[in-house]
């Protein structure tokens, strides 16, 4: 029998992640790096946690 592993709660909800992805597409940001810079500069008050660019 394996022990269940404790995982911290997600910092970003599924809805917030989908919202960010849709906004990126609607605003036509082709570059993820440019979108993340824009989101951090202008949307920080709406999304307390914004993920970094994926590796």
PDB file of N, CA and C in Angstrom:
ATOM      1  N   UNK A   1       0.847  -1.175   0.000  1.00  0.00           N
ATOM      2  CA  UNK A   1       0.000   0.000   0.000  1.00  0.00           C
ATOM      3  C   UNK A   1       0.893   1.240   0.000  1.00  0.00           C
ATOM      4  N   UNK A   2       0.597   2.181  -0.860  1.00  0.00           N
ATOM      5  CA  UNK A   2       1.399   3.397  -0.933  1.00  0.00           C
ATOM      6  C   UNK A   2       0.723   4.508  -0.144  1.00  0.00           C
ATOM      7  N   UNK A   3       1.522   5.363   0.379  1.00  0.00           N
ATOM      8  CA  UNK A   3       1.004   6.518   1.117  1.00  0.00           C
ATOM      9  C   UNK A   3       0.658   7.634   0.143  1.00  0.00           C
ATOM     10  N   UNK A   4      -0.478   8.272   0.341  1.00  0.00           N
ATOM     11  CA  UNK A   4      -0.785   9.408  -0.537  1.00  0.00           C
ATOM     12  C   UNK A   4       0.217  10.539  -0.295  1.00  0.00           C
ATOM     13  N   UNK A   5       0.647  11.132  -1.358  1.00  0.00           N
ATOM     14  CA  UNK A   5       1.606  12.228  -1.249  1.00  0.00           C
ATOM     15  C   UNK A   5       0.852  13.538  -1.065  1.00  0.00           C
ATOM     16  N   UNK A   6       1.394  14.368  -0.201  1.00  0.00           N
ATOM     17  CA  UNK A   6       0.812  15.679   0.018  1.00  0.00           C
ATOM     18  C   UNK A   6       1.282  16.595  -1.095  1.00  0.00           C
ATOM     19  N   UNK A   7       0.379  17.345  -1.640  1.00  0.00           N
ATOM     20  CA  UNK A   7       0.714  18.311  -2.686  1.00  0.00           C
ATOM     21  C   UNK A   7       0.172  19.673  -2.271  1.00  0.00           C
ATOM     22  N   UNK A   8       0.966  20.713  -2.475  1.00  0.00           N
ATOM     23  CA  UNK A   8       0.460  22.045  -2.135  1.00  0.00           C
ATOM     24  C   UNK A   8      -0.708  22.408  -3.052  1.00  0.00           C
ATOM     25  N   UNK A   9      -1.596  23.262  -2.587  1.00  0.00           N
ATOM     26  CA  UNK A   9      -2.730  23.657  -3.440  1.00  0.00           C
ATOM     27  C   UNK A   9      -2.219  24.431  -4.657  1.00  0.00           C
ATOM     28  N   UNK A  10      -2.906  24.318  -5.772  1.00  0.00           N
ATOM     29  CA  UNK A  10      -2.467  25.046  -6.972  1.00  0.00           C
ATOM     30  C   UNK A  10      -2.491  26.550  -6.733  1.00  0.00           C
ATOM     31  N   UNK A  11      -1.514  27.231  -7.302  1.00  0.00           N
ATOM     32  CA  UNK A  11      -1.428  28.683  -7.125  1.00  0.00           C
ATOM     33  C   UNK A  11      -2.265  29.420  -8.172  1.00  0.00           C
ATOM     34  N   UNK A  12      -2.664  28.709  -9.204  1.00  0.00           N
ATOM     35  CA  UNK A  12      -3.442  29.290 -10.289  1.00  0.00           C
ATOM     36  C   UNK A  12      -4.574  28.319 -10.608  1.00  0.00           C
ATOM     37  N   UNK A  13      -5.791  28.802 -10.605  1.00  0.00           N
ATOM     38  CA  UNK A  13      -6.920  27.912 -10.882  1.00  0.00           C
ATOM     39  C   UNK A  13      -6.973  27.584 -12.378  1.00  0.00           C
ATOM     40  N   UNK A  14      -7.719  26.542 -12.698  1.00  0.00           N
ATOM     41  CA  UNK A  14      -7.879  26.165 -14.101  1.00  0.00           C
ATOM     42  C   UNK A  14      -8.520  27.298 -14.891  1.00  0.00           C
ATOM     43  N   UNK A  15      -9.508  27.944 -14.290  1.00  0.00           N
ATOM     44  CA  UNK A  15     -10.187  29.053 -14.965  1.00  0.00           C
ATOM     45  C   UNK A  15      -9.255  30.217 -15.250  1.00  0.00           C
ATOM     46  N   UNK A  16      -8.384  30.535 -14.295  1.00  0.00           N
ATOM     47  CA  UNK A  16      -7.420  31.624 -14.507  1.00  0.00           C
ATOM     48  C   UNK A  16      -6.439  31.269 -15.616  1.00  0.00           C
ATOM     49  N   UNK A  17      -5.999  30.016 -15.651  1.00  0.00           N
ATOM     50  CA  UNK A  17      -5.063  29.591 -16.686  1.00  0.00           C
ATOM     51  C   UNK A  17      -5.699  29.667 -18.066  1.00  0.00           C
ATOM     52  N   UNK A  18      -6.941  29.211 -18.160  1.00  0.00           N
ATOM     53  CA  UNK A  18      -7.658  29.277 -19.443  1.00  0.00           C
ATOM     54  C   UNK A  18      -7.863  30.735 -19.848  1.00  0.00           C
ATOM     55  N   UNK A  19      -8.221  31.589 -18.899  1.00  0.00           N
ATOM     56  CA  UNK A  19      -8.420  33.009 -19.195  1.00  0.00           C
ATOM     57  C   UNK A  19      -7.144  33.629 -19.748  1.00  0.00           C
ATOM     58  N   UNK A  20      -6.013  33.335 -19.129  1.00  0.00           N
ATOM     59  CA  UNK A  20      -4.737  33.871 -19.620  1.00  0.00           C
ATOM     60  C   UNK A  20      -4.417  33.358 -21.024  1.00  0.00           C
ATOM     61  N   UNK A  21      -4.686  32.087 -21.280  1.00  0.00           N
ATOM     62  CA  UNK A  21      -4.411  31.525 -22.605  1.00  0.00           C
ATOM     63  C   UNK A  21      -5.300  32.152 -23.675  1.00  0.00           C
ATOM     64  N   UNK A  22      -6.578  32.355 -23.351  1.00  0.00           N
ATOM     65  CA  UNK A  22      -7.499  32.970 -24.309  1.00  0.00           C
ATOM     66  C   UNK A  22      -7.100  34.426 -24.560  1.00  0.00           C
ATOM     67  N   UNK A  23      -6.735  35.132 -23.493  1.00  0.00           N
ATOM     68  CA  UNK A  23      -6.310  36.526 -23.662  1.00  0.00           C
ATOM     69  C   UNK A  23      -5.076  36.612 -24.549  1.00  0.00           C
ATOM     70  N   UNK A  24      -4.133  35.691 -24.364  1.00  0.00           N
ATOM     71  CA  UNK A  24      -2.925  35.688 -25.191  1.00  0.00           C
ATOM     72  C   UNK A  24      -3.293  35.508 -26.661  1.00  0.00           C
ATOM     73  N   UNK A  25      -4.229  34.601 -26.943  1.00  0.00           N
ATOM     74  CA  UNK A  25      -4.638  34.353 -28.325  1.00  0.00           C
ATOM     75  C   UNK A  25      -5.405  35.544 -28.901  1.00  0.00           C
ATOM     76  N   UNK A  26      -6.340  36.100 -28.121  1.00  0.00           N
ATOM     77  CA  UNK A  26      -7.147  37.216 -28.624  1.00  0.00           C
ATOM     78  C   UNK A  26      -6.315  38.474 -28.859  1.00  0.00           C
ATOM     79  N   UNK A  27      -5.313  38.683 -28.017  1.00  0.00           N
ATOM     80  CA  UNK A  27      -4.463  39.857 -28.173  1.00  0.00           C
ATOM     81  C   UNK A  27      -3.302  39.606 -29.135  1.00  0.00           C
ATOM     82  N   UNK A  28      -3.276  38.411 -29.697  1.00  0.00           N
ATOM     83  CA  UNK A  28      -2.317  38.022 -30.741  1.00  0.00           C
ATOM     84  C   UNK A  28      -0.865  38.132 -30.309  1.00  0.00           C
ATOM     85  N   UNK A  29      -0.580  37.623 -29.117  1.00  0.00           N
ATOM     86  CA  UNK A  29       0.796  37.525 -28.662  1.00  0.00           C
ATOM     87  C   UNK A  29       1.309  36.164 -29.089  1.00  0.00           C
ATOM     88  N   UNK A  30       2.151  36.126 -30.111  1.00  0.00           N
ATOM     89  CA  UNK A  30       2.693  34.862 -30.602  1.00  0.00           C
ATOM     90  C   UNK A  30       3.816  34.344 -29.725  1.00  0.00           C
ATOM     91  N   UNK A  31       4.519  35.258 -29.088  1.00  0.00           N
ATOM     92  CA  UNK A  31       5.641  34.886 -28.239  1.00  0.00           C
ATOM     93  C   UNK A  31       5.191  34.781 -26.790  1.00  0.00           C
ATOM     94  N   UNK A  32       5.461  33.636 -26.191  1.00  0.00           N
ATOM     95  CA  UNK A  32       5.094  33.441 -24.789  1.00  0.00           C
ATOM     96  C   UNK A  32       5.852  34.410 -23.890  1.00  0.00           C
ATOM     97  N   UNK A  33       7.118  34.676 -24.209  1.00  0.00           N
ATOM     98  CA  UNK A  33       7.929  35.596 -23.401  1.00  0.00           C
ATOM     99  C   UNK A  33       7.339  37.003 -23.418  1.00  0.00           C
ATOM    100  N   UNK A  34       6.923  37.463 -24.588  1.00  0.00           N
ATOM    101  CA  UNK A  34       6.316  38.801 -24.688  1.00  0.00           C
ATOM    102  C   UNK A  34       5.000  38.849 -23.926  1.00  0.00           C
ATOM    103  N   UNK A  35       4.197  37.795 -24.022  1.00  0.00           N
ATOM    104  CA  UNK A  35       2.924  37.761 -23.319  1.00  0.00           C
ATOM    105  C   UNK A  35       3.133  37.795 -21.810  1.00  0.00           C
ATOM    106  N   UNK A  36       4.060  37.019 -21.307  1.00  0.00           N
ATOM    107  CA  UNK A  36       4.301  36.979 -19.864  1.00  0.00           C
ATOM    108  C   UNK A  36       4.779  38.343 -19.364  1.00  0.00           C
ATOM    109  N   UNK A  37       5.646  38.999 -20.115  1.00  0.00           N
ATOM    110  CA  UNK A  37       6.089  40.344 -19.729  1.00  0.00           C
ATOM    111  C   UNK A  37       4.912  41.303 -19.690  1.00  0.00           C
ATOM    112  N   UNK A  38       4.060  41.246 -20.702  1.00  0.00           N
ATOM    113  CA  UNK A  38       2.875  42.111 -20.749  1.00  0.00           C
ATOM    114  C   UNK A  38       1.943  41.810 -19.580  1.00  0.00           C
ATOM    115  N   UNK A  39       1.675  40.540 -19.342  1.00  0.00           N
ATOM    116  CA  UNK A  39       0.759  40.145 -18.266  1.00  0.00           C
ATOM    117  C   UNK A  39       1.300  40.573 -16.908  1.00  0.00           C
ATOM    118  N   UNK A  40       2.582  40.405 -16.673  1.00  0.00           N
ATOM    119  CA  UNK A  40       3.168  40.813 -15.392  1.00  0.00           C
ATOM    120  C   UNK A  40       3.109  42.326 -15.208  1.00  0.00           C
ATOM    121  N   UNK A  41       3.258  43.076 -16.287  1.00  0.00           N
ATOM    122  CA  UNK A  41       3.250  44.535 -16.198  1.00  0.00           C
ATOM    123  C   UNK A  41       1.836  45.105 -16.066  1.00  0.00           C
ATOM    124  N   UNK A  42       0.873  44.484 -16.743  1.00  0.00           N
ATOM    125  CA  UNK A  42      -0.455  45.106 -16.829  1.00  0.00           C
ATOM    126  C   UNK A  42      -1.587  44.349 -16.153  1.00  0.00           C
ATOM    127  N   UNK A  43      -1.392  43.080 -15.835  1.00  0.00           N
ATOM    128  CA  UNK A  43      -2.498  42.277 -15.307  1.00  0.00           C
ATOM    129  C   UNK A  43      -2.242  41.747 -13.904  1.00  0.00           C
ATOM    130  N   UNK A  44      -1.190  42.231 -13.265  1.00  0.00           N
ATOM    131  CA  UNK A  44      -0.798  41.724 -11.954  1.00  0.00           C
ATOM    132  C   UNK A  44      -1.912  41.897 -10.921  1.00  0.00           C
ATOM    133  N   UNK A  45      -2.690  42.956 -11.027  1.00  0.00           N
ATOM    134  CA  UNK A  45      -3.764  43.192 -10.057  1.00  0.00           C
ATOM    135  C   UNK A  45      -4.928  42.210 -10.239  1.00  0.00           C
ATOM    136  N   UNK A  46      -5.038  41.597 -11.401  1.00  0.00           N
ATOM    137  CA  UNK A  46      -6.109  40.639 -11.660  1.00  0.00           C
ATOM    138  C   UNK A  46      -5.713  39.203 -11.330  1.00  0.00           C
ATOM    139  N   UNK A  47      -4.425  38.912 -11.468  1.00  0.00           N
ATOM    140  CA  UNK A  47      -3.911  37.566 -11.240  1.00  0.00           C
ATOM    141  C   UNK A  47      -2.760  37.652 -10.246  1.00  0.00           C
ATOM    142  N   UNK A  48      -3.009  37.354  -8.974  1.00  0.00           N
ATOM    143  CA  UNK A  48      -1.954  37.480  -7.952  1.00  0.00           C
ATOM    144  C   UNK A  48      -0.735  36.611  -8.264  1.00  0.00           C
ATOM    145  N   UNK A  49      -0.935  35.477  -8.921  1.00  0.00           N
ATOM    146  CA  UNK A  49       0.190  34.627  -9.288  1.00  0.00           C
ATOM    147  C   UNK A  49       0.172  34.436 -10.791  1.00  0.00           C
ATOM    148  N   UNK A  50       1.279  34.752 -11.425  1.00  0.00           N
ATOM    149  CA  UNK A  50       1.434  34.503 -12.854  1.00  0.00           C
ATOM    150  C   UNK A  50       2.631  33.570 -13.040  1.00  0.00           C
ATOM    151  N   UNK A  51       2.440  32.464 -13.728  1.00  0.00           N
ATOM    152  CA  UNK A  51       3.541  31.513 -13.881  1.00  0.00           C
ATOM    153  C   UNK A  51       4.660  32.100 -14.734  1.00  0.00           C
ATOM    154  N   UNK A  52       5.844  31.585 -14.511  1.00  0.00           N
ATOM    155  CA  UNK A  52       6.984  31.974 -15.329  1.00  0.00           C
ATOM    156  C   UNK A  52       6.921  31.226 -16.640  1.00  0.00           C
ATOM    157  N   UNK A  53       7.774  31.641 -17.573  1.00  0.00           N
ATOM    158  CA  UNK A  53       7.813  30.959 -18.865  1.00  0.00           C
ATOM    159  C   UNK A  53       8.279  29.527 -18.633  1.00  0.00           C
ATOM    160  N   UNK A  54       7.596  28.597 -19.266  1.00  0.00           N
ATOM    161  CA  UNK A  54       7.946  27.195 -19.079  1.00  0.00           C
ATOM    162  C   UNK A  54       9.312  26.897 -19.687  1.00  0.00           C
ATOM    163  N   UNK A  55       9.979  25.955 -19.098  1.00  0.00           N
ATOM    164  CA  UNK A  55      11.316  25.567 -19.578  1.00  0.00           C
ATOM    165  C   UNK A  55      11.183  24.732 -20.783  1.00  0.00           C
TER     166      UNK A  55
END
